[in-house]
Amino acid sequence: MLSVAAAVAEGTTRIINAGRLRIKECDRLAAMHSELNKLGADITEEPEGLLINGKPEGLAGGASVDAWNDHRIAMSMAVATLVCKEPVCLTGGESVSKSYPEFWKDYASVGGQAETV
């Protein structure tokens, strides 16, 4: 979630000393770099973190992103869609059931729109 917030914040954010995120359910640094950049973010992956140049105007969207079979990536990508100008297709969203089975219901309650296809 920090990388999503940084992607639309003013200025540059550097996430450092985060190499342990590479050995979770997926390589979370690579996942956030890959998927947020698909939405129009400006993120550079570094060995131990991410360099994120914020875009306060929001992200373009209009792309397909993947959850990498990781509940935290799925929830982060869902929140990222809220700052996208165009709709986003997320695959692997069912992974949220691992830690937050009611996520999609709560997401809708704050204005998020999701369809299962």
N, C-alpha and C. Protein backbone atom coordinates (compact mmCIF):
# COMPACT_ATOMS: atom_id res chain seq x y z
N MET A 1 0.82 -1.19 0.00
CA MET A 1 0.00 0.00 0.00
C MET A 1 0.87 1.26 0.00
N LEU A 2 2.01 1.19 0.66
CA LEU A 2 2.91 2.34 0.67
C LEU A 2 3.34 2.70 -0.75
N SER A 3 3.62 1.71 -1.56
CA SER A 3 4.05 2.00 -2.94
C SER A 3 2.90 2.59 -3.76
N VAL A 4 1.67 2.19 -3.49
CA VAL A 4 0.52 2.78 -4.19
C VAL A 4 0.38 4.25 -3.80
N ALA A 5 0.45 4.53 -2.50
CA ALA A 5 0.34 5.92 -2.04
C ALA A 5 1.48 6.77 -2.62
N ALA A 6 2.69 6.23 -2.62
CA ALA A 6 3.84 6.97 -3.14
C ALA A 6 3.70 7.21 -4.64
N ALA A 7 3.08 6.29 -5.35
CA ALA A 7 2.93 6.43 -6.80
C ALA A 7 2.10 7.64 -7.19
N VAL A 8 1.23 8.10 -6.27
CA VAL A 8 0.39 9.26 -6.59
C VAL A 8 0.66 10.44 -5.65
N ALA A 9 1.74 10.36 -4.89
CA ALA A 9 2.13 11.46 -4.00
C ALA A 9 3.00 12.45 -4.76
N GLU A 10 3.13 13.61 -4.21
CA GLU A 10 4.04 14.60 -4.77
C GLU A 10 5.48 14.23 -4.39
N GLY A 11 6.39 14.35 -5.32
CA GLY A 11 7.80 14.12 -5.03
C GLY A 11 8.24 12.68 -5.25
N THR A 12 9.40 12.38 -4.70
CA THR A 12 10.03 11.07 -4.88
C THR A 12 10.07 10.35 -3.55
N THR A 13 9.74 9.07 -3.58
CA THR A 13 9.80 8.21 -2.40
C THR A 13 10.78 7.10 -2.68
N ARG A 14 11.65 6.82 -1.73
CA ARG A 14 12.58 5.70 -1.86
C ARG A 14 12.28 4.72 -0.74
N ILE A 15 11.90 3.51 -1.12
CA ILE A 15 11.71 2.43 -0.15
C ILE A 15 13.03 1.69 -0.10
N ILE A 16 13.63 1.63 1.10
CA ILE A 16 14.97 1.04 1.25
C ILE A 16 14.95 -0.11 2.25
N ASN A 17 16.00 -0.91 2.21
CA ASN A 17 16.17 -2.02 3.15
C ASN A 17 14.95 -2.94 3.19
N ALA A 18 14.37 -3.19 2.04
CA ALA A 18 13.15 -3.98 1.95
C ALA A 18 13.34 -5.29 1.19
N GLY A 19 14.57 -5.75 1.08
CA GLY A 19 14.85 -6.96 0.32
C GLY A 19 14.10 -8.18 0.80
N ARG A 20 13.72 -8.23 2.08
CA ARG A 20 12.98 -9.39 2.59
C ARG A 20 11.61 -9.55 1.93
N LEU A 21 11.12 -8.48 1.30
CA LEU A 21 9.83 -8.56 0.60
C LEU A 21 9.91 -9.43 -0.65
N ARG A 22 11.11 -9.80 -1.04
CA ARG A 22 11.27 -10.66 -2.21
C ARG A 22 10.97 -12.13 -1.89
N ILE A 23 10.87 -12.48 -0.59
CA ILE A 23 10.69 -13.89 -0.22
C ILE A 23 9.37 -14.12 0.52
N LYS A 24 8.35 -13.38 0.19
CA LYS A 24 7.01 -13.57 0.75
C LYS A 24 6.23 -14.48 -0.20
N GLU A 25 4.92 -14.33 -0.29
CA GLU A 25 4.14 -15.16 -1.21
C GLU A 25 4.63 -15.01 -2.65
N CYS A 26 5.16 -13.84 -2.94
CA CYS A 26 5.80 -13.57 -4.23
C CYS A 26 6.89 -12.56 -3.98
N ASP A 27 7.60 -12.18 -5.00
CA ASP A 27 8.59 -11.11 -4.90
C ASP A 27 7.79 -9.80 -4.95
N ARG A 28 7.47 -9.28 -3.79
CA ARG A 28 6.58 -8.12 -3.71
C ARG A 28 7.20 -6.85 -4.30
N LEU A 29 8.49 -6.71 -4.26
CA LEU A 29 9.12 -5.55 -4.89
C LEU A 29 8.94 -5.62 -6.41
N ALA A 30 9.23 -6.78 -6.97
CA ALA A 30 9.06 -6.96 -8.42
C ALA A 30 7.60 -6.81 -8.82
N ALA A 31 6.70 -7.34 -8.00
CA ALA A 31 5.27 -7.28 -8.32
C ALA A 31 4.77 -5.84 -8.35
N MET A 32 5.10 -5.07 -7.34
CA MET A 32 4.62 -3.69 -7.31
C MET A 32 5.26 -2.86 -8.41
N HIS A 33 6.52 -3.09 -8.69
CA HIS A 33 7.20 -2.41 -9.79
C HIS A 33 6.48 -2.73 -11.11
N SER A 34 6.29 -3.99 -11.37
CA SER A 34 5.69 -4.43 -12.62
C SER A 34 4.25 -3.93 -12.78
N GLU A 35 3.42 -4.21 -11.79
CA GLU A 35 1.99 -3.95 -11.95
C GLU A 35 1.63 -2.47 -11.87
N LEU A 36 2.26 -1.72 -10.96
CA LEU A 36 1.97 -0.29 -10.91
C LEU A 36 2.48 0.43 -12.16
N ASN A 37 3.62 0.02 -12.69
CA ASN A 37 4.09 0.64 -13.93
C ASN A 37 3.13 0.38 -15.09
N LYS A 38 2.47 -0.77 -15.10
CA LYS A 38 1.45 -1.04 -16.13
C LYS A 38 0.33 -0.01 -16.07
N LEU A 39 0.08 0.51 -14.86
CA LEU A 39 -0.99 1.49 -14.69
C LEU A 39 -0.53 2.92 -14.95
N GLY A 40 0.76 3.08 -15.23
CA GLY A 40 1.28 4.41 -15.54
C GLY A 40 2.15 5.02 -14.47
N ALA A 41 2.49 4.26 -13.43
CA ALA A 41 3.37 4.77 -12.38
C ALA A 41 4.80 4.89 -12.92
N ASP A 42 5.63 5.57 -12.17
CA ASP A 42 7.04 5.75 -12.53
C ASP A 42 7.88 5.17 -11.39
N ILE A 43 8.13 3.86 -11.47
CA ILE A 43 8.82 3.15 -10.41
C ILE A 43 10.03 2.42 -10.98
N THR A 44 11.14 2.55 -10.28
CA THR A 44 12.36 1.82 -10.63
C THR A 44 12.61 0.81 -9.52
N GLU A 45 12.83 -0.43 -9.91
CA GLU A 45 13.14 -1.48 -8.95
C GLU A 45 14.63 -1.46 -8.65
N GLU A 46 14.96 -1.51 -7.37
CA GLU A 46 16.35 -1.56 -6.92
C GLU A 46 16.56 -2.87 -6.17
N PRO A 47 17.79 -3.29 -5.94
CA PRO A 47 18.02 -4.57 -5.26
C PRO A 47 17.32 -4.69 -3.90
N GLU A 48 17.29 -3.60 -3.15
CA GLU A 48 16.70 -3.65 -1.80
C GLU A 48 15.48 -2.76 -1.64
N GLY A 49 14.87 -2.33 -2.75
CA GLY A 49 13.71 -1.46 -2.61
C GLY A 49 13.19 -0.92 -3.92
N LEU A 50 12.50 0.20 -3.83
CA LEU A 50 11.88 0.84 -4.97
C LEU A 50 12.14 2.34 -4.93
N LEU A 51 12.31 2.92 -6.10
CA LEU A 51 12.40 4.37 -6.25
C LEU A 51 11.14 4.79 -6.98
N ILE A 52 10.31 5.60 -6.33
CA ILE A 52 8.99 5.93 -6.86
C ILE A 52 8.88 7.43 -7.06
N ASN A 53 8.69 7.84 -8.31
CA ASN A 53 8.45 9.24 -8.65
C ASN A 53 6.94 9.43 -8.72
N GLY A 54 6.41 10.19 -7.78
CA GLY A 54 4.97 10.35 -7.66
C GLY A 54 4.33 11.09 -8.81
N LYS A 55 3.09 10.72 -9.07
CA LYS A 55 2.26 11.37 -10.08
C LYS A 55 0.97 11.81 -9.41
N PRO A 56 0.97 12.99 -8.79
CA PRO A 56 -0.20 13.42 -8.04
C PRO A 56 -1.46 13.57 -8.88
N GLU A 57 -1.30 13.63 -10.18
CA GLU A 57 -2.47 13.73 -11.06
C GLU A 57 -3.18 12.39 -11.21
N GLY A 58 -2.63 11.33 -10.67
CA GLY A 58 -3.24 10.00 -10.77
C GLY A 58 -2.55 9.16 -11.82
N LEU A 59 -3.04 7.95 -11.97
CA LEU A 59 -2.46 7.00 -12.92
C LEU A 59 -3.39 6.81 -14.10
N ALA A 60 -2.84 6.40 -15.22
CA ALA A 60 -3.63 6.23 -16.44
C ALA A 60 -4.61 5.06 -16.32
N GLY A 61 -4.13 3.92 -15.83
CA GLY A 61 -4.99 2.73 -15.80
C GLY A 61 -5.11 2.16 -17.20
N GLY A 62 -6.29 1.60 -17.50
CA GLY A 62 -6.53 1.05 -18.83
C GLY A 62 -5.68 -0.15 -19.17
N ALA A 63 -5.29 -0.92 -18.17
CA ALA A 63 -4.41 -2.07 -18.39
C ALA A 63 -4.90 -3.27 -17.58
N SER A 64 -4.31 -4.41 -17.88
CA SER A 64 -4.55 -5.61 -17.08
C SER A 64 -3.38 -5.80 -16.15
N VAL A 65 -3.68 -6.07 -14.88
CA VAL A 65 -2.65 -6.31 -13.88
C VAL A 65 -2.92 -7.65 -13.21
N ASP A 66 -1.90 -8.19 -12.57
CA ASP A 66 -2.02 -9.50 -11.94
C ASP A 66 -1.68 -9.39 -10.45
N ALA A 67 -2.32 -10.22 -9.65
CA ALA A 67 -2.09 -10.23 -8.20
C ALA A 67 -0.91 -11.10 -7.80
N TRP A 68 -0.30 -11.78 -8.72
CA TRP A 68 0.86 -12.63 -8.45
C TRP A 68 0.54 -13.68 -7.37
N ASN A 69 -0.71 -14.09 -7.28
CA ASN A 69 -1.17 -15.07 -6.29
C ASN A 69 -0.84 -14.61 -4.86
N ASP A 70 -0.93 -13.31 -4.62
CA ASP A 70 -0.56 -12.73 -3.33
C ASP A 70 -1.68 -11.79 -2.88
N HIS A 71 -2.26 -12.07 -1.74
CA HIS A 71 -3.38 -11.29 -1.23
C HIS A 71 -3.04 -9.81 -1.06
N ARG A 72 -1.84 -9.49 -0.63
CA ARG A 72 -1.47 -8.09 -0.42
C ARG A 72 -1.31 -7.35 -1.75
N ILE A 73 -0.81 -8.03 -2.76
CA ILE A 73 -0.71 -7.41 -4.09
C ILE A 73 -2.10 -7.17 -4.64
N ALA A 74 -2.99 -8.14 -4.49
CA ALA A 74 -4.37 -7.99 -4.98
C ALA A 74 -5.05 -6.79 -4.36
N MET A 75 -4.95 -6.66 -3.03
CA MET A 75 -5.60 -5.52 -2.35
C MET A 75 -4.95 -4.20 -2.75
N SER A 76 -3.64 -4.19 -2.89
CA SER A 76 -2.95 -2.97 -3.31
C SER A 76 -3.37 -2.55 -4.72
N MET A 77 -3.47 -3.50 -5.62
CA MET A 77 -3.88 -3.18 -6.99
C MET A 77 -5.33 -2.68 -7.02
N ALA A 78 -6.17 -3.27 -6.19
CA ALA A 78 -7.56 -2.80 -6.13
C ALA A 78 -7.61 -1.34 -5.69
N VAL A 79 -6.86 -1.00 -4.65
CA VAL A 79 -6.84 0.38 -4.19
C VAL A 79 -6.24 1.29 -5.26
N ALA A 80 -5.23 0.82 -5.97
CA ALA A 80 -4.62 1.63 -7.04
C ALA A 80 -5.64 1.97 -8.12
N THR A 81 -6.59 1.09 -8.38
CA THR A 81 -7.57 1.39 -9.42
C THR A 81 -8.39 2.62 -9.09
N LEU A 82 -8.49 2.95 -7.81
CA LEU A 82 -9.28 4.12 -7.40
C LEU A 82 -8.66 5.43 -7.84
N VAL A 83 -7.37 5.42 -8.20
CA VAL A 83 -6.70 6.64 -8.67
C VAL A 83 -6.34 6.54 -10.15
N CYS A 84 -7.00 5.62 -10.85
CA CYS A 84 -6.77 5.45 -12.29
C CYS A 84 -7.87 6.14 -13.10
N LYS A 85 -7.46 6.71 -14.22
CA LYS A 85 -8.41 7.39 -15.10
C LYS A 85 -9.24 6.41 -15.92
N GLU A 86 -8.68 5.26 -16.25
CA GLU A 86 -9.35 4.25 -17.06
C GLU A 86 -9.53 2.97 -16.25
N PRO A 87 -10.53 2.16 -16.59
CA PRO A 87 -10.75 0.90 -15.87
C PRO A 87 -9.54 -0.04 -15.95
N VAL A 88 -9.44 -0.91 -14.97
CA VAL A 88 -8.34 -1.86 -14.85
C VAL A 88 -8.91 -3.26 -14.69
N CYS A 89 -8.28 -4.23 -15.32
CA CYS A 89 -8.66 -5.64 -15.16
C CYS A 89 -7.62 -6.30 -14.25
N LEU A 90 -8.07 -6.84 -13.13
CA LEU A 90 -7.19 -7.50 -12.17
C LEU A 90 -7.45 -9.00 -12.20
N THR A 91 -6.41 -9.78 -12.47
CA THR A 91 -6.53 -11.23 -12.36
C THR A 91 -5.94 -11.67 -11.03
N GLY A 92 -6.53 -12.70 -10.45
CA GLY A 92 -6.04 -13.23 -9.18
C GLY A 92 -6.62 -12.55 -7.96
N GLY A 93 -7.67 -11.80 -8.13
CA GLY A 93 -8.28 -11.09 -7.01
C GLY A 93 -8.84 -11.98 -5.93
N GLU A 94 -9.09 -13.23 -6.26
CA GLU A 94 -9.62 -14.17 -5.25
C GLU A 94 -8.62 -14.45 -4.15
N SER A 95 -7.36 -14.11 -4.36
CA SER A 95 -6.34 -14.36 -3.34
C SER A 95 -6.56 -13.57 -2.06
N VAL A 96 -7.40 -12.54 -2.10
CA VAL A 96 -7.66 -11.76 -0.89
C VAL A 96 -8.33 -12.60 0.20
N SER A 97 -8.95 -13.70 -0.18
CA SER A 97 -9.64 -14.53 0.80
C SER A 97 -8.69 -15.10 1.85
N LYS A 98 -7.41 -15.13 1.55
CA LYS A 98 -6.42 -15.65 2.50
C LYS A 98 -6.41 -14.86 3.80
N SER A 99 -6.51 -13.53 3.71
CA SER A 99 -6.40 -12.70 4.90
C SER A 99 -7.58 -11.78 5.15
N TYR A 100 -8.43 -11.56 4.13
CA TYR A 100 -9.48 -10.55 4.26
C TYR A 100 -10.66 -10.97 3.38
N PRO A 101 -11.39 -12.01 3.78
CA PRO A 101 -12.47 -12.55 2.94
C PRO A 101 -13.55 -11.52 2.55
N GLU A 102 -13.74 -10.50 3.37
CA GLU A 102 -14.76 -9.49 3.09
C GLU A 102 -14.21 -8.29 2.32
N PHE A 103 -12.99 -8.39 1.82
CA PHE A 103 -12.34 -7.25 1.17
C PHE A 103 -13.20 -6.65 0.06
N TRP A 104 -13.69 -7.45 -0.86
CA TRP A 104 -14.42 -6.90 -2.01
C TRP A 104 -15.71 -6.22 -1.59
N LYS A 105 -16.35 -6.73 -0.55
CA LYS A 105 -17.56 -6.08 -0.02
C LYS A 105 -17.18 -4.71 0.56
N ASP A 106 -16.12 -4.67 1.36
CA ASP A 106 -15.68 -3.41 1.95
C ASP A 106 -15.17 -2.44 0.88
N TYR A 107 -14.50 -2.97 -0.13
CA TYR A 107 -14.02 -2.16 -1.25
C TYR A 107 -15.20 -1.45 -1.93
N ALA A 108 -16.27 -2.19 -2.16
CA ALA A 108 -17.46 -1.59 -2.77
C ALA A 108 -18.09 -0.54 -1.85
N SER A 109 -18.03 -0.75 -0.54
CA SER A 109 -18.65 0.20 0.39
C SER A 109 -17.97 1.56 0.42
N VAL A 110 -16.72 1.62 -0.06
CA VAL A 110 -16.02 2.91 -0.12
C VAL A 110 -15.94 3.45 -1.55
N GLY A 111 -16.76 2.89 -2.43
CA GLY A 111 -16.84 3.41 -3.79
C GLY A 111 -16.11 2.62 -4.85
N GLY A 112 -15.42 1.56 -4.47
CA GLY A 112 -14.75 0.73 -5.46
C GLY A 112 -15.75 -0.05 -6.28
N GLN A 113 -15.45 -0.25 -7.52
CA GLN A 113 -16.33 -1.02 -8.40
C GLN A 113 -15.56 -2.24 -8.88
N ALA A 114 -16.19 -3.40 -8.73
CA ALA A 114 -15.56 -4.64 -9.17
C ALA A 114 -16.60 -5.56 -9.78
N GLU A 115 -16.22 -6.21 -10.85
CA GLU A 115 -17.05 -7.22 -11.51
C GLU A 115 -16.23 -8.48 -11.64
N THR A 116 -16.87 -9.62 -11.47
CA THR A 116 -16.20 -10.89 -11.72
C THR A 116 -16.52 -11.30 -13.14
N VAL A 117 -15.48 -11.59 -13.90
CA VAL A 117 -15.69 -12.03 -15.29
C VAL A 117 -15.14 -13.42 -15.49
